[in-house]
Amino acid sequence: MVKLIGALVSGFFLFNAIPHLVQGICGKRHMTPFSRESAAVVNVIWGWINIILGVYIGSISWPKEGCNLLWWGIFALGGLMISLYLAVFWSNPDARLPWHKK
């Protein structure tokens, strides 16, 4: 069960890295946990932190018996969940995290 939660969280972090890397690489400001409008470089760094966390969590939760279809399915579910959440979140032009000031 813990390995499947690890797969879910790994998918979450790896898919969350995508918008930060894309916006940062394109030189655009984008929200991070640090600021409502973080610089492009901050987004690239935050994207890579997400990749490192996702790969690390994925590697420690990887089943010892090798490739496991259930693990990959749960990993994909984590990616789908964060993707759908972010699609709804970014649809709001006034989107911000709870600790970001208005």
N, C-alpha and C. Protein backbone atom coordinates (compact mmCIF):
# COMPACT_ATOMS: atom_id res chain seq x y z
N MET A 1 0.82 -1.20 0.00
CA MET A 1 0.00 0.00 0.00
C MET A 1 0.86 1.26 0.00
N VAL A 2 1.93 1.29 0.80
CA VAL A 2 2.82 2.45 0.87
C VAL A 2 3.47 2.70 -0.49
N LYS A 3 3.83 1.62 -1.19
CA LYS A 3 4.45 1.76 -2.51
C LYS A 3 3.47 2.37 -3.51
N LEU A 4 2.20 2.06 -3.39
CA LEU A 4 1.21 2.64 -4.30
C LEU A 4 0.98 4.12 -3.99
N ILE A 5 1.02 4.50 -2.73
CA ILE A 5 0.93 5.91 -2.37
C ILE A 5 2.15 6.65 -2.91
N GLY A 6 3.31 6.00 -2.83
CA GLY A 6 4.53 6.58 -3.41
C GLY A 6 4.40 6.79 -4.90
N ALA A 7 3.78 5.84 -5.59
CA ALA A 7 3.56 5.96 -7.03
C ALA A 7 2.65 7.16 -7.33
N LEU A 8 1.59 7.32 -6.55
CA LEU A 8 0.65 8.43 -6.72
C LEU A 8 1.37 9.77 -6.53
N VAL A 9 2.14 9.88 -5.46
CA VAL A 9 2.85 11.12 -5.14
C VAL A 9 3.94 11.40 -6.19
N SER A 10 4.59 10.35 -6.65
CA SER A 10 5.60 10.50 -7.69
C SER A 10 4.98 11.08 -8.96
N GLY A 11 3.84 10.54 -9.36
CA GLY A 11 3.14 11.07 -10.53
C GLY A 11 2.73 12.52 -10.33
N PHE A 12 2.29 12.84 -9.12
CA PHE A 12 1.90 14.22 -8.80
C PHE A 12 3.07 15.17 -9.02
N PHE A 13 4.22 14.86 -8.43
CA PHE A 13 5.38 15.76 -8.55
C PHE A 13 5.89 15.85 -9.98
N LEU A 14 5.98 14.72 -10.67
CA LEU A 14 6.52 14.75 -12.03
C LEU A 14 5.61 15.51 -12.99
N PHE A 15 4.31 15.34 -12.87
CA PHE A 15 3.40 16.08 -13.74
C PHE A 15 3.31 17.54 -13.33
N ASN A 16 3.47 17.85 -12.05
CA ASN A 16 3.46 19.23 -11.59
C ASN A 16 4.69 19.99 -12.10
N ALA A 17 5.76 19.29 -12.40
CA ALA A 17 6.96 19.94 -12.92
C ALA A 17 6.74 20.53 -14.31
N ILE A 18 5.85 19.94 -15.08
CA ILE A 18 5.68 20.32 -16.49
C ILE A 18 5.34 21.80 -16.67
N PRO A 19 4.27 22.33 -16.03
CA PRO A 19 3.96 23.75 -16.29
C PRO A 19 5.06 24.70 -15.83
N HIS A 20 5.74 24.36 -14.75
CA HIS A 20 6.81 25.23 -14.26
C HIS A 20 7.98 25.24 -15.24
N LEU A 21 8.35 24.08 -15.74
CA LEU A 21 9.44 24.03 -16.71
C LEU A 21 9.06 24.73 -18.01
N VAL A 22 7.87 24.48 -18.51
CA VAL A 22 7.45 25.10 -19.78
C VAL A 22 7.43 26.62 -19.65
N GLN A 23 6.78 27.13 -18.61
CA GLN A 23 6.72 28.59 -18.44
C GLN A 23 8.11 29.17 -18.22
N GLY A 24 8.91 28.51 -17.39
CA GLY A 24 10.25 29.02 -17.13
C GLY A 24 11.14 29.00 -18.36
N ILE A 25 11.13 27.91 -19.10
CA ILE A 25 11.95 27.80 -20.30
C ILE A 25 11.51 28.83 -21.34
N CYS A 26 10.22 29.16 -21.38
CA CYS A 26 9.71 30.17 -22.32
C CYS A 26 9.95 31.59 -21.82
N GLY A 27 10.57 31.72 -20.64
CA GLY A 27 10.89 33.04 -20.10
C GLY A 27 9.72 33.77 -19.49
N LYS A 28 8.67 33.04 -19.13
CA LYS A 28 7.47 33.66 -18.58
C LYS A 28 7.42 33.53 -17.06
N ARG A 29 6.83 34.53 -16.43
CA ARG A 29 6.58 34.48 -14.99
C ARG A 29 5.40 33.55 -14.75
N HIS A 30 5.43 32.84 -13.63
CA HIS A 30 4.38 31.87 -13.33
C HIS A 30 4.35 31.66 -11.82
N MET A 31 3.19 31.32 -11.30
CA MET A 31 3.04 31.12 -9.86
C MET A 31 3.83 29.91 -9.36
N THR A 32 4.47 30.10 -8.22
CA THR A 32 5.11 29.01 -7.48
C THR A 32 4.64 29.13 -6.03
N PRO A 33 5.01 28.19 -5.17
CA PRO A 33 4.65 28.35 -3.76
C PRO A 33 5.30 29.58 -3.12
N PHE A 34 6.31 30.15 -3.77
CA PHE A 34 7.06 31.26 -3.19
C PHE A 34 6.45 32.62 -3.50
N SER A 35 5.76 32.73 -4.63
CA SER A 35 5.20 34.01 -5.03
C SER A 35 4.12 33.80 -6.09
N ARG A 36 3.19 34.74 -6.15
CA ARG A 36 2.12 34.63 -7.14
C ARG A 36 2.67 34.76 -8.56
N GLU A 37 3.73 35.55 -8.73
CA GLU A 37 4.38 35.68 -10.02
C GLU A 37 5.88 35.53 -9.82
N SER A 38 6.36 34.31 -9.95
CA SER A 38 7.79 34.04 -9.78
C SER A 38 8.50 34.20 -11.12
N ALA A 39 9.76 34.57 -11.04
CA ALA A 39 10.58 34.73 -12.24
C ALA A 39 10.73 33.40 -12.97
N ALA A 40 11.09 33.50 -14.24
CA ALA A 40 11.26 32.30 -15.07
C ALA A 40 12.30 31.35 -14.47
N VAL A 41 13.41 31.90 -13.98
CA VAL A 41 14.46 31.05 -13.41
C VAL A 41 13.95 30.31 -12.17
N VAL A 42 13.16 30.99 -11.36
CA VAL A 42 12.59 30.34 -10.17
C VAL A 42 11.69 29.19 -10.59
N ASN A 43 10.93 29.36 -11.67
CA ASN A 43 10.06 28.29 -12.15
C ASN A 43 10.85 27.10 -12.66
N VAL A 44 11.95 27.36 -13.35
CA VAL A 44 12.80 26.24 -13.82
C VAL A 44 13.35 25.49 -12.61
N ILE A 45 13.83 26.22 -11.62
CA ILE A 45 14.37 25.57 -10.41
C ILE A 45 13.26 24.79 -9.70
N TRP A 46 12.08 25.38 -9.56
CA TRP A 46 10.97 24.69 -8.90
C TRP A 46 10.55 23.46 -9.69
N GLY A 47 10.55 23.57 -11.01
CA GLY A 47 10.25 22.40 -11.85
C GLY A 47 11.24 21.28 -11.61
N TRP A 48 12.53 21.61 -11.53
CA TRP A 48 13.55 20.58 -11.29
C TRP A 48 13.45 20.00 -9.88
N ILE A 49 13.08 20.81 -8.91
CA ILE A 49 12.86 20.27 -7.56
C ILE A 49 11.73 19.24 -7.60
N ASN A 50 10.67 19.54 -8.34
CA ASN A 50 9.57 18.59 -8.50
C ASN A 50 10.05 17.31 -9.18
N ILE A 51 10.89 17.43 -10.20
CA ILE A 51 11.42 16.25 -10.89
C ILE A 51 12.26 15.41 -9.93
N ILE A 52 13.14 16.05 -9.20
CA ILE A 52 14.00 15.31 -8.26
C ILE A 52 13.16 14.59 -7.21
N LEU A 53 12.17 15.28 -6.64
CA LEU A 53 11.30 14.64 -5.65
C LEU A 53 10.51 13.49 -6.27
N GLY A 54 9.96 13.71 -7.45
CA GLY A 54 9.17 12.66 -8.12
C GLY A 54 10.00 11.43 -8.44
N VAL A 55 11.20 11.65 -8.95
CA VAL A 55 12.08 10.51 -9.28
C VAL A 55 12.50 9.80 -8.00
N TYR A 56 12.86 10.56 -6.96
CA TYR A 56 13.28 9.93 -5.71
C TYR A 56 12.15 9.11 -5.09
N ILE A 57 10.98 9.70 -4.97
CA ILE A 57 9.84 8.97 -4.39
C ILE A 57 9.48 7.77 -5.25
N GLY A 58 9.52 7.95 -6.57
CA GLY A 58 9.25 6.83 -7.47
C GLY A 58 10.26 5.71 -7.31
N SER A 59 11.53 6.08 -7.13
CA SER A 59 12.57 5.04 -7.02
C SER A 59 12.46 4.25 -5.72
N ILE A 60 12.06 4.90 -4.62
CA ILE A 60 11.95 4.15 -3.37
C ILE A 60 10.63 3.39 -3.27
N SER A 61 9.67 3.76 -4.12
CA SER A 61 8.39 3.04 -4.08
C SER A 61 8.27 2.01 -5.20
N TRP A 62 9.28 1.94 -6.06
CA TRP A 62 9.27 0.99 -7.19
C TRP A 62 9.20 -0.43 -6.67
N PRO A 63 8.30 -1.26 -7.20
CA PRO A 63 8.18 -2.64 -6.71
C PRO A 63 9.47 -3.43 -6.96
N LYS A 64 9.87 -4.21 -5.99
CA LYS A 64 11.09 -5.02 -6.10
C LYS A 64 10.98 -6.06 -7.21
N GLU A 65 9.77 -6.49 -7.51
CA GLU A 65 9.59 -7.51 -8.53
C GLU A 65 9.64 -6.95 -9.95
N GLY A 66 9.97 -5.68 -10.12
CA GLY A 66 10.11 -5.10 -11.45
C GLY A 66 8.87 -4.36 -11.88
N CYS A 67 8.69 -4.30 -13.18
CA CYS A 67 7.58 -3.54 -13.76
C CYS A 67 6.24 -4.09 -13.27
N ASN A 68 5.44 -3.21 -12.73
CA ASN A 68 4.16 -3.58 -12.15
C ASN A 68 3.08 -2.68 -12.75
N LEU A 69 2.13 -3.26 -13.46
CA LEU A 69 1.08 -2.49 -14.13
C LEU A 69 0.26 -1.66 -13.15
N LEU A 70 -0.01 -2.19 -11.97
CA LEU A 70 -0.77 -1.44 -10.97
C LEU A 70 0.00 -0.20 -10.54
N TRP A 71 1.31 -0.34 -10.31
CA TRP A 71 2.16 0.80 -9.92
C TRP A 71 2.09 1.88 -10.98
N TRP A 72 2.24 1.50 -12.25
CA TRP A 72 2.18 2.48 -13.34
C TRP A 72 0.80 3.12 -13.44
N GLY A 73 -0.24 2.35 -13.20
CA GLY A 73 -1.59 2.90 -13.24
C GLY A 73 -1.81 3.93 -12.15
N ILE A 74 -1.32 3.65 -10.95
CA ILE A 74 -1.45 4.60 -9.84
C ILE A 74 -0.59 5.83 -10.10
N PHE A 75 0.60 5.63 -10.65
CA PHE A 75 1.47 6.75 -11.04
C PHE A 75 0.73 7.66 -12.03
N ALA A 76 0.13 7.07 -13.05
CA ALA A 76 -0.61 7.84 -14.05
C ALA A 76 -1.81 8.54 -13.42
N LEU A 77 -2.46 7.89 -12.46
CA LEU A 77 -3.58 8.50 -11.75
C LEU A 77 -3.13 9.76 -11.01
N GLY A 78 -1.97 9.70 -10.36
CA GLY A 78 -1.42 10.89 -9.70
C GLY A 78 -1.20 12.02 -10.69
N GLY A 79 -0.66 11.68 -11.86
CA GLY A 79 -0.45 12.68 -12.90
C GLY A 79 -1.76 13.25 -13.41
N LEU A 80 -2.75 12.39 -13.61
CA LEU A 80 -4.06 12.84 -14.08
C LEU A 80 -4.73 13.74 -13.06
N MET A 81 -4.65 13.37 -11.78
CA MET A 81 -5.29 14.16 -10.73
C MET A 81 -4.73 15.58 -10.67
N ILE A 82 -3.39 15.70 -10.67
CA ILE A 82 -2.80 17.04 -10.59
C ILE A 82 -3.06 17.81 -11.88
N SER A 83 -3.09 17.12 -13.02
CA SER A 83 -3.36 17.79 -14.30
C SER A 83 -4.77 18.38 -14.32
N LEU A 84 -5.75 17.60 -13.89
CA LEU A 84 -7.13 18.10 -13.86
C LEU A 84 -7.29 19.22 -12.84
N TYR A 85 -6.68 19.06 -11.67
CA TYR A 85 -6.75 20.10 -10.65
C TYR A 85 -6.16 21.41 -11.18
N LEU A 86 -4.98 21.34 -11.80
CA LEU A 86 -4.34 22.55 -12.30
C LEU A 86 -5.12 23.17 -13.45
N ALA A 87 -5.76 22.34 -14.28
CA ALA A 87 -6.58 22.88 -15.38
C ALA A 87 -7.72 23.72 -14.82
N VAL A 88 -8.35 23.25 -13.76
CA VAL A 88 -9.44 24.01 -13.12
C VAL A 88 -8.86 25.23 -12.40
N PHE A 89 -7.76 25.04 -11.68
CA PHE A 89 -7.14 26.12 -10.91
C PHE A 89 -6.73 27.28 -11.82
N TRP A 90 -6.06 26.98 -12.93
CA TRP A 90 -5.57 28.03 -13.82
C TRP A 90 -6.67 28.64 -14.67
N SER A 91 -7.86 28.05 -14.69
CA SER A 91 -8.99 28.64 -15.41
C SER A 91 -9.48 29.91 -14.72
N ASN A 92 -9.17 30.06 -13.46
CA ASN A 92 -9.55 31.25 -12.69
C ASN A 92 -8.47 32.32 -12.88
N PRO A 93 -8.79 33.47 -13.48
CA PRO A 93 -7.77 34.50 -13.69
C PRO A 93 -7.23 35.09 -12.38
N ASP A 94 -7.95 34.94 -11.29
CA ASP A 94 -7.49 35.43 -9.99
C ASP A 94 -6.90 34.32 -9.13
N ALA A 95 -6.45 33.25 -9.74
CA ALA A 95 -5.92 32.10 -9.00
C ALA A 95 -4.73 32.51 -8.14
N ARG A 96 -4.71 32.00 -6.92
CA ARG A 96 -3.56 32.19 -6.03
C ARG A 96 -3.62 31.14 -4.95
N LEU A 97 -2.47 30.86 -4.38
CA LEU A 97 -2.39 29.91 -3.28
C LEU A 97 -2.85 30.62 -2.00
N PRO A 98 -3.32 29.88 -1.01
CA PRO A 98 -3.89 30.51 0.19
C PRO A 98 -2.95 31.50 0.89
N TRP A 99 -1.66 31.29 0.83
CA TRP A 99 -0.72 32.17 1.53
C TRP A 99 -0.25 33.34 0.67
N HIS A 100 -0.67 33.41 -0.59
CA HIS A 100 -0.32 34.56 -1.43
C HIS A 100 -1.26 35.71 -1.11
N LYS A 101 -0.68 36.91 -0.99
CA LYS A 101 -1.48 38.10 -0.69
C LYS A 101 -2.28 38.52 -1.91
N LYS A 102 -3.41 39.16 -1.66
CA LYS A 102 -4.26 39.66 -2.76
C LYS A 102 -3.62 40.84 -3.44
